[in-house]
C-alpha atoms as a PDB file:
ATOM      1  CA  UNK A   1      -6.250  -9.128 -34.237  1.00  0.00           C
ATOM      2  CA  UNK A   2      -8.957  -6.474 -34.270  1.00  0.00           C
ATOM      3  CA  UNK A   3     -10.316  -7.833 -30.989  1.00  0.00           C
ATOM      4  CA  UNK A   4      -6.870  -7.545 -29.366  1.00  0.00           C
ATOM      5  CA  UNK A   5      -6.414  -3.964 -30.604  1.00  0.00           C
ATOM      6  CA  UNK A   6      -9.842  -3.039 -29.241  1.00  0.00           C
ATOM      7  CA  UNK A   7      -8.948  -4.566 -25.847  1.00  0.00           C
ATOM      8  CA  UNK A   8      -5.654  -2.641 -25.756  1.00  0.00           C
ATOM      9  CA  UNK A   9      -7.308   0.675 -26.657  1.00  0.00           C
ATOM     10  CA  UNK A  10     -10.067   0.275 -24.079  1.00  0.00           C
ATOM     11  CA  UNK A  11      -7.574  -0.773 -21.393  1.00  0.00           C
ATOM     12  CA  UNK A  12      -5.294   2.139 -22.249  1.00  0.00           C
ATOM     13  CA  UNK A  13      -8.143   4.636 -22.077  1.00  0.00           C
ATOM     14  CA  UNK A  14      -9.270   3.317 -18.696  1.00  0.00           C
ATOM     15  CA  UNK A  15      -5.705   3.302 -17.319  1.00  0.00           C
ATOM     16  CA  UNK A  16      -4.970   6.881 -18.417  1.00  0.00           C
ATOM     17  CA  UNK A  17      -8.300   8.172 -17.077  1.00  0.00           C
ATOM     18  CA  UNK A  18      -7.751   6.485 -13.712  1.00  0.00           C
ATOM     19  CA  UNK A  19      -4.137   7.661 -13.418  1.00  0.00           C
ATOM     20  CA  UNK A  20      -4.512  11.243 -14.601  1.00  0.00           C
ATOM     21  CA  UNK A  21      -8.051  12.130 -13.512  1.00  0.00           C
ATOM     22  CA  UNK A  22      -8.332  10.208 -10.227  1.00  0.00           C
ATOM     23  CA  UNK A  23      -4.897   9.218  -8.918  1.00  0.00           C
ATOM     24  CA  UNK A  24      -2.948  12.361  -9.917  1.00  0.00           C
ATOM     25  CA  UNK A  25      -5.112  15.118  -8.323  1.00  0.00           C
ATOM     26  CA  UNK A  26      -5.532  13.155  -5.097  1.00  0.00           C
ATOM     27  CA  UNK A  27      -1.816  12.393  -4.830  1.00  0.00           C
ATOM     28  CA  UNK A  28      -0.886  16.036  -5.533  1.00  0.00           C
ATOM     29  CA  UNK A  29      -3.004  17.248  -2.617  1.00  0.00           C
ATOM     30  CA  UNK A  30      -1.954  14.474  -0.209  1.00  0.00           C
ATOM     31  CA  UNK A  31       1.750  14.741  -1.042  1.00  0.00           C
ATOM     32  CA  UNK A  32       1.741  18.535  -0.818  1.00  0.00           C
ATOM     33  CA  UNK A  33       0.075  18.342   2.606  1.00  0.00           C
ATOM     34  CA  UNK A  34       2.473  15.624   3.773  1.00  0.00           C
ATOM     35  CA  UNK A  35       5.568  17.492   2.575  1.00  0.00           C
ATOM     36  CA  UNK A  36       4.424  20.786   4.105  1.00  0.00           C
ATOM     37  CA  UNK A  37       3.858  19.126   7.486  1.00  0.00           C
ATOM     38  CA  UNK A  38       7.265  17.518   7.115  1.00  0.00           C
ATOM     39  CA  UNK A  39       8.944  20.823   6.245  1.00  0.00           C
ATOM     40  CA  UNK A  40       7.244  22.629   9.135  1.00  0.00           C
ATOM     41  CA  UNK A  41       8.538  20.034  11.596  1.00  0.00           C
ATOM     42  CA  UNK A  42       5.084  18.696  12.486  1.00  0.00           C
ATOM     43  CA  UNK A  43       6.042  15.142  11.533  1.00  0.00           C
ATOM     44  CA  UNK A  44       9.269  15.356  13.570  1.00  0.00           C
ATOM     45  CA  UNK A  45       7.173  16.398  16.573  1.00  0.00           C
ATOM     46  CA  UNK A  46       4.689  13.567  16.037  1.00  0.00           C
ATOM     47  CA  UNK A  47       7.353  10.896  15.491  1.00  0.00           C
ATOM     48  CA  UNK A  48       9.273  11.978  18.597  1.00  0.00           C
ATOM     49  CA  UNK A  49       6.193  11.514  20.779  1.00  0.00           C
ATOM     50  CA  UNK A  50       4.914   8.295  19.216  1.00  0.00           C
ATOM     51  CA  UNK A  51       8.246   6.457  19.042  1.00  0.00           C
ATOM     52  CA  UNK A  52       8.580   5.755  22.810  1.00  0.00           C
ATOM     53  CA  UNK A  53       5.003   4.430  22.918  1.00  0.00           C
ATOM     54  CA  UNK A  54       5.525   2.098  19.964  1.00  0.00           C
ATOM     55  CA  UNK A  55       9.000   0.913  20.902  1.00  0.00           C
ATOM     56  CA  UNK A  56       7.629  -2.186  22.747  1.00  0.00           C
ATOM     57  CA  UNK A  57       5.984  -3.246  19.464  1.00  0.00           C
ATOM     58  CA  UNK A  58       9.348  -3.243  17.704  1.00  0.00           C
ATOM     59  CA  UNK A  59       9.049   0.155  15.999  1.00  0.00           C
ATOM     60  CA  UNK A  60      11.637   2.939  16.085  1.00  0.00           C
ATOM     61  CA  UNK A  61      11.113   6.598  15.255  1.00  0.00           C
ATOM     62  CA  UNK A  62      11.924   5.948  11.599  1.00  0.00           C
ATOM     63  CA  UNK A  63       9.482   3.031  11.696  1.00  0.00           C
ATOM     64  CA  UNK A  64       6.742   5.452  12.748  1.00  0.00           C
ATOM     65  CA  UNK A  65       7.674   7.681   9.813  1.00  0.00           C
ATOM     66  CA  UNK A  66       7.425   4.682   7.463  1.00  0.00           C
ATOM     67  CA  UNK A  67       3.864   4.092   8.706  1.00  0.00           C
ATOM     68  CA  UNK A  68       2.950   7.700   7.895  1.00  0.00           C
ATOM     69  CA  UNK A  69       4.533   7.379   4.457  1.00  0.00           C
ATOM     70  CA  UNK A  70       2.640   4.249   3.431  1.00  0.00           C
ATOM     71  CA  UNK A  71      -0.627   5.712   4.787  1.00  0.00           C
ATOM     72  CA  UNK A  72      -0.391   9.151   3.186  1.00  0.00           C
ATOM     73  CA  UNK A  73       2.078   8.906   0.250  1.00  0.00           C
ATOM     74  CA  UNK A  74       2.382   5.452  -1.367  1.00  0.00           C
ATOM     75  CA  UNK A  75       3.531   1.907  -0.669  1.00  0.00           C
ATOM     76  CA  UNK A  76       6.918   2.645  -2.280  1.00  0.00           C
ATOM     77  CA  UNK A  77       7.635   5.721  -0.142  1.00  0.00           C
ATOM     78  CA  UNK A  78       8.955   3.710   2.868  1.00  0.00           C
ATOM     79  CA  UNK A  79      11.726   2.204   0.687  1.00  0.00           C
ATOM     80  CA  UNK A  80      13.900   5.269   1.314  1.00  0.00           C
ATOM     81  CA  UNK A  81      13.171   5.055   5.056  1.00  0.00           C
ATOM     82  CA  UNK A  82      14.051   1.342   5.180  1.00  0.00           C
ATOM     83  CA  UNK A  83      17.320   2.110   3.376  1.00  0.00           C
ATOM     84  CA  UNK A  84      18.009   4.861   5.895  1.00  0.00           C
ATOM     85  CA  UNK A  85      17.302   2.483   8.777  1.00  0.00           C
ATOM     86  CA  UNK A  86      19.810  -0.006   7.371  1.00  0.00           C
ATOM     87  CA  UNK A  87      22.528   2.599   6.965  1.00  0.00           C
ATOM     88  CA  UNK A  88      21.973   4.045  10.456  1.00  0.00           C
ATOM     89  CA  UNK A  89      22.407   0.748  12.284  1.00  0.00           C
ATOM     90  CA  UNK A  90      18.837  -0.356  12.980  1.00  0.00           C
ATOM     91  CA  UNK A  91      18.771  -4.015  14.049  1.00  0.00           C
ATOM     92  CA  UNK A  92      17.477  -6.737  11.749  1.00  0.00           C
ATOM     93  CA  UNK A  93      14.709  -7.465  14.237  1.00  0.00           C
ATOM     94  CA  UNK A  94      13.439  -3.874  14.151  1.00  0.00           C
ATOM     95  CA  UNK A  95      13.809  -3.826  10.360  1.00  0.00           C
ATOM     96  CA  UNK A  96      11.635  -6.944  10.079  1.00  0.00           C
ATOM     97  CA  UNK A  97       8.967  -5.416  12.346  1.00  0.00           C
ATOM     98  CA  UNK A  98       8.898  -2.212  10.283  1.00  0.00           C
ATOM     99  CA  UNK A  99       8.750  -4.126   6.986  1.00  0.00           C
ATOM    100  CA  UNK A 100       5.874  -6.277   8.301  1.00  0.00           C
ATOM    101  CA  UNK A 101       3.975  -3.167   9.361  1.00  0.00           C
ATOM    102  CA  UNK A 102       4.393  -1.559   5.934  1.00  0.00           C
ATOM    103  CA  UNK A 103       3.361  -4.734   4.070  1.00  0.00           C
ATOM    104  CA  UNK A 104       0.158  -5.065   6.108  1.00  0.00           C
ATOM    105  CA  UNK A 105      -1.058  -1.456   5.960  1.00  0.00           C
ATOM    106  CA  UNK A 106      -3.335   0.136   3.358  1.00  0.00           C
ATOM    107  CA  UNK A 107      -1.266   2.098   0.837  1.00  0.00           C
ATOM    108  CA  UNK A 108      -2.288   5.680   0.117  1.00  0.00           C
ATOM    109  CA  UNK A 109      -1.892   5.396  -3.667  1.00  0.00           C
ATOM    110  CA  UNK A 110      -4.802   2.906  -3.662  1.00  0.00           C
ATOM    111  CA  UNK A 111      -6.847   4.085  -0.679  1.00  0.00           C
ATOM    112  CA  UNK A 112      -7.428   7.722  -1.641  1.00  0.00           C
ATOM    113  CA  UNK A 113      -8.438   7.089  -5.278  1.00  0.00           C
ATOM    114  CA  UNK A 114     -10.849   4.381  -4.073  1.00  0.00           C
ATOM    115  CA  UNK A 115     -12.326   6.854  -1.561  1.00  0.00           C
ATOM    116  CA  UNK A 116     -13.598   8.753  -4.603  1.00  0.00           C
ATOM    117  CA  UNK A 117     -15.333   5.503  -5.621  1.00  0.00           C
ATOM    118  CA  UNK A 118     -16.989   4.866  -2.252  1.00  0.00           C
ATOM    119  CA  UNK A 119     -14.323   3.483   0.091  1.00  0.00           C
ATOM    120  CA  UNK A 120     -14.803   4.389   3.781  1.00  0.00           C
ATOM    121  CA  UNK A 121     -11.626   6.357   4.550  1.00  0.00           C
ATOM    122  CA  UNK A 122     -11.903   6.526   8.344  1.00  0.00           C
ATOM    123  CA  UNK A 123     -12.585   2.826   8.832  1.00  0.00           C
ATOM    124  CA  UNK A 124      -9.886   1.818   6.351  1.00  0.00           C
ATOM    125  CA  UNK A 125      -7.183   3.960   7.970  1.00  0.00           C
ATOM    126  CA  UNK A 126      -8.139   2.896  11.503  1.00  0.00           C
ATOM    127  CA  UNK A 127      -8.054  -0.817  10.699  1.00  0.00           C
ATOM    128  CA  UNK A 128      -4.880  -0.287   8.664  1.00  0.00           C
ATOM    129  CA  UNK A 129      -3.152   1.230  11.706  1.00  0.00           C
ATOM    130  CA  UNK A 130      -4.332  -1.586  13.979  1.00  0.00           C
ATOM    131  CA  UNK A 131      -3.241  -4.217  11.470  1.00  0.00           C
ATOM    132  CA  UNK A 132       0.156  -2.579  11.033  1.00  0.00           C
ATOM    133  CA  UNK A 133       0.820  -2.459  14.781  1.00  0.00           C
ATOM    134  CA  UNK A 134      -0.280  -6.097  15.199  1.00  0.00           C
ATOM    135  CA  UNK A 135       1.986  -7.128  12.309  1.00  0.00           C
ATOM    136  CA  UNK A 136       4.974  -5.296  13.820  1.00  0.00           C
ATOM    137  CA  UNK A 137       4.421  -6.826  17.271  1.00  0.00           C
ATOM    138  CA  UNK A 138       3.896 -10.348  15.862  1.00  0.00           C
ATOM    139  CA  UNK A 139       7.094 -10.105  13.846  1.00  0.00           C
ATOM    140  CA  UNK A 140       9.208  -8.581  16.613  1.00  0.00           C
ATOM    141  CA  UNK A 141       8.061 -10.901  19.403  1.00  0.00           C
ATOM    142  CA  UNK A 142       7.244 -14.095  17.472  1.00  0.00           C
ATOM    143  CA  UNK A 143       8.327 -14.612  13.874  1.00  0.00           C
ATOM    144  CA  UNK A 144      11.506 -12.524  14.103  1.00  0.00           C
ATOM    145  CA  UNK A 145      12.553 -13.222  17.674  1.00  0.00           C
ATOM    146  CA  UNK A 146      15.641 -15.131  16.467  1.00  0.00           C
ATOM    147  CA  UNK A 147      16.914 -12.107  14.508  1.00  0.00           C
ATOM    148  CA  UNK A 148      19.714  -9.902  15.776  1.00  0.00           C
ATOM    149  CA  UNK A 149      18.313  -7.155  18.026  1.00  0.00           C
ATOM    150  CA  UNK A 150      21.554  -5.277  18.710  1.00  0.00           C
ATOM    151  CA  UNK A 151      21.616  -1.713  17.418  1.00  0.00           C
ATOM    152  CA  UNK A 152      24.173   0.986  16.870  1.00  0.00           C
ATOM    153  CA  UNK A 153      23.625   4.451  18.344  1.00  0.00           C
ATOM    154  CA  UNK A 154      20.742   5.524  16.158  1.00  0.00           C
ATOM    155  CA  UNK A 155      20.397   8.883  14.456  1.00  0.00           C
ATOM    156  CA  UNK A 156      16.674   9.173  13.805  1.00  0.00           C
ATOM    157  CA  UNK A 157      16.649  12.785  12.683  1.00  0.00           C
ATOM    158  CA  UNK A 158      14.685  13.142   9.443  1.00  0.00           C
ATOM    159  CA  UNK A 159      16.330  15.043   6.598  1.00  0.00           C
ATOM    160  CA  UNK A 160      13.807  17.151   4.717  1.00  0.00           C
ATOM    161  CA  UNK A 161      13.258  20.531   3.088  1.00  0.00           C
ATOM    162  CA  UNK A 162      12.404  23.630   5.087  1.00  0.00           C
ATOM    163  CA  UNK A 163       9.430  25.945   4.498  1.00  0.00           C
ATOM    164  CA  UNK A 164      10.254  29.005   6.531  1.00  0.00           C
ATOM    165  CA  UNK A 165       8.971  31.522   3.958  1.00  0.00           C
ATOM    166  CA  UNK A 166       6.655  31.755   0.956  1.00  0.00           C
ATOM    167  CA  UNK A 167       9.387  30.676  -1.480  1.00  0.00           C
ATOM    168  CA  UNK A 168      10.161  27.639   0.659  1.00  0.00           C
ATOM    169  CA  UNK A 169       6.478  26.690   0.775  1.00  0.00           C
ATOM    170  CA  UNK A 170       6.172  27.045  -3.001  1.00  0.00           C
ATOM    171  CA  UNK A 171       9.289  24.911  -3.548  1.00  0.00           C
ATOM    172  CA  UNK A 172       7.887  22.167  -1.296  1.00  0.00           C
ATOM    173  CA  UNK A 173       4.546  22.212  -3.144  1.00  0.00           C
ATOM    174  CA  UNK A 174       6.254  22.087  -6.556  1.00  0.00           C
ATOM    175  CA  UNK A 175       8.427  19.149  -5.517  1.00  0.00           C
ATOM    176  CA  UNK A 176       5.388  17.337  -4.118  1.00  0.00           C
ATOM    177  CA  UNK A 177       3.519  17.934  -7.380  1.00  0.00           C
ATOM    178  CA  UNK A 178       6.419  16.546  -9.412  1.00  0.00           C
ATOM    179  CA  UNK A 179       6.578  13.504  -7.128  1.00  0.00           C
ATOM    180  CA  UNK A 180       2.825  12.936  -7.473  1.00  0.00           C
ATOM    181  CA  UNK A 181       3.105  13.180 -11.254  1.00  0.00           C
ATOM    182  CA  UNK A 182       5.864  10.536 -11.280  1.00  0.00           C
ATOM    183  CA  UNK A 183       3.699   8.221  -9.170  1.00  0.00           C
ATOM    184  CA  UNK A 184       0.639   8.691 -11.397  1.00  0.00           C
ATOM    185  CA  UNK A 185       2.506   8.318 -14.700  1.00  0.00           C
ATOM    186  CA  UNK A 186       4.541   5.410 -13.338  1.00  0.00           C
ATOM    187  CA  UNK A 187       1.304   3.552 -12.594  1.00  0.00           C
ATOM    188  CA  UNK A 188       0.083   3.699 -16.202  1.00  0.00           C
ATOM    189  CA  UNK A 189       2.173   0.827 -17.692  1.00  0.00           C
ATOM    190  CA  UNK A 190       1.161  -1.660 -14.978  1.00  0.00           C
ATOM    191  CA  UNK A 191      -2.469  -0.530 -15.208  1.00  0.00           C
ATOM    192  CA  UNK A 192      -2.534  -0.932 -18.990  1.00  0.00           C
ATOM    193  CA  UNK A 193      -0.866  -4.352 -18.963  1.00  0.00           C
ATOM    194  CA  UNK A 194      -3.004  -5.698 -16.133  1.00  0.00           C
ATOM    195  CA  UNK A 195      -6.244  -4.421 -17.683  1.00  0.00           C
ATOM    196  CA  UNK A 196      -5.276  -5.907 -21.061  1.00  0.00           C
ATOM    197  CA  UNK A 197      -4.524  -9.307 -19.506  1.00  0.00           C
ATOM    198  CA  UNK A 198      -7.638  -9.273 -17.344  1.00  0.00           C
ATOM    199  CA  UNK A 199      -9.891  -8.181 -20.228  1.00  0.00           C
ATOM    200  CA  UNK A 200      -8.385 -10.796 -22.537  1.00  0.00           C
ATOM    201  CA  UNK A 201      -8.831 -13.564 -19.947  1.00  0.00           C
ATOM    202  CA  UNK A 202     -12.383 -12.434 -19.336  1.00  0.00           C
ATOM    203  CA  UNK A 203     -13.141 -12.392 -23.066  1.00  0.00           C
ATOM    204  CA  UNK A 204     -11.693 -15.897 -23.396  1.00  0.00           C
ATOM    205  CA  UNK A 205     -13.903 -17.121 -20.552  1.00  0.00           C
ATOM    206  CA  UNK A 206     -10.978 -18.045 -18.266  1.00  0.00           C
ATOM    207  CA  UNK A 207     -12.067 -15.779 -15.411  1.00  0.00           C
ATOM    208  CA  UNK A 208     -15.643 -17.047 -15.549  1.00  0.00           C
ATOM    209  CA  UNK A 209     -14.415 -20.653 -15.553  1.00  0.00           C
ATOM    210  CA  UNK A 210     -12.159 -20.044 -12.539  1.00  0.00           C
ATOM    211  CA  UNK A 211     -14.916 -18.205 -10.692  1.00  0.00           C
ATOM    212  CA  UNK A 212     -17.386 -21.012 -11.371  1.00  0.00           C
ATOM    213  CA  UNK A 213     -14.887 -23.606 -10.151  1.00  0.00           C
ATOM    214  CA  UNK A 214     -14.245 -21.735  -6.921  1.00  0.00           C
ATOM    215  CA  UNK A 215     -17.789 -20.513  -6.358  1.00  0.00           C
ATOM    216  CA  UNK A 216     -19.030 -23.428  -4.173  1.00  0.00           C
ATOM    217  CA  UNK A 217     -16.068 -23.230  -1.782  1.00  0.00           C
ATOM    218  CA  UNK A 218     -16.177 -19.425  -1.652  1.00  0.00           C
ATOM    219  CA  UNK A 219     -19.936 -19.339  -1.077  1.00  0.00           C
ATOM    220  CA  UNK A 220     -19.556 -21.888   1.726  1.00  0.00           C
ATOM    221  CA  UNK A 221     -16.948 -19.605   3.315  1.00  0.00           C
ATOM    222  CA  UNK A 222     -19.206 -16.578   2.903  1.00  0.00           C
ATOM    223  CA  UNK A 223     -17.009 -14.919   0.244  1.00  0.00           C
ATOM    224  CA  UNK A 224     -18.537 -13.364  -2.862  1.00  0.00           C
ATOM    225  CA  UNK A 225     -17.098 -15.198  -5.951  1.00  0.00           C
ATOM    226  CA  UNK A 226     -16.900 -11.880  -7.806  1.00  0.00           C
ATOM    227  CA  UNK A 227     -13.804 -11.119  -5.704  1.00  0.00           C
ATOM    228  CA  UNK A 228     -11.792 -13.788  -7.556  1.00  0.00           C
ATOM    229  CA  UNK A 229     -10.856 -11.331 -10.307  1.00  0.00           C
ATOM    230  CA  UNK A 230      -9.577  -8.420  -8.163  1.00  0.00           C
ATOM    231  CA  UNK A 231      -7.821 -10.829  -5.773  1.00  0.00           C
ATOM    232  CA  UNK A 232      -5.972 -12.592  -8.585  1.00  0.00           C
ATOM    233  CA  UNK A 233      -5.053  -9.259 -10.149  1.00  0.00           C
ATOM    234  CA  UNK A 234      -3.828  -7.902  -6.818  1.00  0.00           C
ATOM    235  CA  UNK A 235      -1.590 -10.891  -6.072  1.00  0.00           C
ATOM    236  CA  UNK A 236       0.022 -10.974  -9.513  1.00  0.00           C
ATOM    237  CA  UNK A 237       0.088  -7.308 -10.539  1.00  0.00           C
ATOM    238  CA  UNK A 238      -0.211  -5.310  -7.316  1.00  0.00           C
ATOM    239  CA  UNK A 239      -2.578  -2.888  -5.638  1.00  0.00           C
ATOM    240  CA  UNK A 240      -2.614  -0.279  -8.405  1.00  0.00           C
ATOM    241  CA  UNK A 241      -3.678  -2.885 -10.966  1.00  0.00           C
ATOM    242  CA  UNK A 242      -6.360  -4.141  -8.564  1.00  0.00           C
ATOM    243  CA  UNK A 243      -7.597  -0.560  -8.262  1.00  0.00           C
ATOM    244  CA  UNK A 244      -8.014  -0.402 -12.035  1.00  0.00           C
ATOM    245  CA  UNK A 245      -9.951  -3.667 -12.105  1.00  0.00           C
ATOM    246  CA  UNK A 246     -12.137  -2.584  -9.186  1.00  0.00           C
ATOM    247  CA  UNK A 247     -12.879   0.691 -10.965  1.00  0.00           C
ATOM    248  CA  UNK A 248     -14.058  -1.245 -14.021  1.00  0.00           C
ATOM    249  CA  UNK A 249     -16.158  -3.604 -11.874  1.00  0.00           C
ATOM    250  CA  UNK A 250     -17.833  -0.705 -10.073  1.00  0.00           C
ATOM    251  CA  UNK A 251     -18.622   1.022 -13.364  1.00  0.00           C
ATOM    252  CA  UNK A 252     -20.116  -2.149 -14.836  1.00  0.00           C
ATOM    253  CA  UNK A 253     -22.117  -2.985 -11.706  1.00  0.00           C
ATOM    254  CA  UNK A 254     -20.235  -6.247 -11.083  1.00  0.00           C
ATOM    255  CA  UNK A 255     -19.143  -4.902  -7.682  1.00  0.00           C
ATOM    256  CA  UNK A 256     -20.627  -2.419  -5.218  1.00  0.00           C
ATOM    257  CA  UNK A 257     -19.039   0.071  -2.797  1.00  0.00           C
ATOM    258  CA  UNK A 258     -20.286  -2.103   0.079  1.00  0.00           C
ATOM    259  CA  UNK A 259     -18.428  -5.132  -1.322  1.00  0.00           C
ATOM    260  CA  UNK A 260     -15.305  -3.010  -1.869  1.00  0.00           C
ATOM    261  CA  UNK A 261     -15.381  -1.864   1.759  1.00  0.00           C
ATOM    262  CA  UNK A 262     -15.956  -5.387   3.052  1.00  0.00           C
ATOM    263  CA  UNK A 263     -12.964  -6.682   1.078  1.00  0.00           C
ATOM    264  CA  UNK A 264     -10.609  -3.774   1.805  1.00  0.00           C
ATOM    265  CA  UNK A 265      -8.810  -5.705   4.526  1.00  0.00           C
ATOM    266  CA  UNK A 266      -7.358  -8.308   2.180  1.00  0.00           C
ATOM    267  CA  UNK A 267      -7.303  -6.337  -1.079  1.00  0.00           C
ATOM    268  CA  UNK A 268      -5.551  -3.116  -0.034  1.00  0.00           C
ATOM    269  CA  UNK A 269      -2.003  -3.784   1.187  1.00  0.00           C
ATOM    270  CA  UNK A 270       1.461  -4.216  -0.429  1.00  0.00           C
ATOM    271  CA  UNK A 271       1.803  -7.937   0.411  1.00  0.00           C
ATOM    272  CA  UNK A 272       1.827  -9.067  -3.217  1.00  0.00           C
ATOM    273  CA  UNK A 273       4.522  -9.975  -5.736  1.00  0.00           C
ATOM    274  CA  UNK A 274       5.247  -6.440  -7.061  1.00  0.00           C
ATOM    275  CA  UNK A 275       4.884  -4.846  -3.613  1.00  0.00           C
ATOM    276  CA  UNK A 276       7.310  -7.194  -1.878  1.00  0.00           C
ATOM    277  CA  UNK A 277       9.779  -6.879  -4.771  1.00  0.00           C
ATOM    278  CA  UNK A 278       9.794  -3.080  -4.464  1.00  0.00           C
ATOM    279  CA  UNK A 279      10.059  -3.010  -0.661  1.00  0.00           C
ATOM    280  CA  UNK A 280      12.946  -5.489  -0.353  1.00  0.00           C
ATOM    281  CA  UNK A 281      14.901  -3.427  -2.868  1.00  0.00           C
ATOM    282  CA  UNK A 282      15.635  -1.113   0.087  1.00  0.00           C
ATOM    283  CA  UNK A 283      18.770  -3.096   0.944  1.00  0.00           C
ATOM    284  CA  UNK A 284      20.446  -6.415   1.652  1.00  0.00           C
ATOM    285  CA  UNK A 285      19.374  -6.706   5.297  1.00  0.00           C
ATOM    286  CA  UNK A 286      15.792  -5.726   4.478  1.00  0.00           C
ATOM    287  CA  UNK A 287      15.655  -8.432   1.803  1.00  0.00           C
ATOM    288  CA  UNK A 288      17.059 -10.975   4.274  1.00  0.00           C
ATOM    289  CA  UNK A 289      14.165 -10.528   6.735  1.00  0.00           C
ATOM    290  CA  UNK A 290      11.247 -10.615   4.284  1.00  0.00           C
ATOM    291  CA  UNK A 291      10.045 -14.084   5.322  1.00  0.00           C
ATOM    292  CA  UNK A 292       9.375 -13.355   9.031  1.00  0.00           C
ATOM    293  CA  UNK A 293       8.056  -9.948   7.986  1.00  0.00           C
ATOM    294  CA  UNK A 294       5.608 -11.549   5.515  1.00  0.00           C
ATOM    295  CA  UNK A 295       4.343 -13.916   8.213  1.00  0.00           C
ATOM    296  CA  UNK A 296       3.798 -11.014  10.591  1.00  0.00           C
ATOM    297  CA  UNK A 297       2.117  -9.015   7.824  1.00  0.00           C
ATOM    298  CA  UNK A 298      -0.270 -11.923   7.196  1.00  0.00           C
ATOM    299  CA  UNK A 299      -1.305 -11.780  10.868  1.00  0.00           C
ATOM    300  CA  UNK A 300      -1.890  -8.023  10.598  1.00  0.00           C
ATOM    301  CA  UNK A 301      -3.954  -8.442   7.421  1.00  0.00           C
ATOM    302  CA  UNK A 302      -5.977 -11.134   9.193  1.00  0.00           C
ATOM    303  CA  UNK A 303      -6.748  -8.631  11.960  1.00  0.00           C
ATOM    304  CA  UNK A 304      -7.861  -6.090   9.378  1.00  0.00           C
ATOM    305  CA  UNK A 305     -10.158  -8.671   7.761  1.00  0.00           C
ATOM    306  CA  UNK A 306     -11.641  -9.536  11.144  1.00  0.00           C
ATOM    307  CA  UNK A 307     -12.175  -5.847  11.872  1.00  0.00           C
ATOM    308  CA  UNK A 308     -13.951  -5.342   8.547  1.00  0.00           C
ATOM    309  CA  UNK A 309     -16.197  -8.326   9.293  1.00  0.00           C
ATOM    310  CA  UNK A 310     -17.089  -6.998  12.754  1.00  0.00           C
ATOM    311  CA  UNK A 311     -17.721  -3.459  11.551  1.00  0.00           C
END
């Protein structure tokens, strides 16, 4: 029992430190910047000019906004946009393409904290964008081609706060700070639970046994066996939990920033059990197209992995 209590306390300390001292300050700055650009109309301007260029890939104006949200806010931010797309008459085919793009891109709530630990931000965002566009195109033109493509007359105007004066700017910043705090605090339970489970499995020797069993095949494929732990954590508990495990591995010397960068393509994206569950909660039609979207997202993630290998 004492061993279990010690594991829980150490996991809780690590989770709180990561959430409040790494995730929270970064998310406050990024969300405040994102919301100010949104309130000033800069995002409306950008979406209006990018949407016609990306339309052949299966993305609408709101789809472009979803890409900005997942890249600079969090993986859960596009849920509201997907819900809006459903209610405004976006076709199932375009919904699937947008969902695939979101599931294959690197989520900001993992990327920016890991930048503080050595992740290459420019390379990660560039490959994330390429992977997202490939995923959208693969879903729209291949995996989701049988879906309904008929659309209602779309209203793609984005509803957001205004920042015309100092009070408006302060209100936007305060709301962004509150949103960042909710994201950071909301990550603590999953971080604690995942770190407790991972630490307990490691103490019991289960992780070492699994790594040893897979080591020959992974070494033959050129994959470092140390990635078994973060990959398993990511698939079962999500990107935030993986971030906590990676933080522990970097501190202990089990992983290096170079290894983290090399594995970013398949470790940093919302295509995992918690991520898919959150994203398909956007609505009935979004949930109905998750299978073709997941296939397209897998293609986009494959492109990101190839890009990481080449770079």
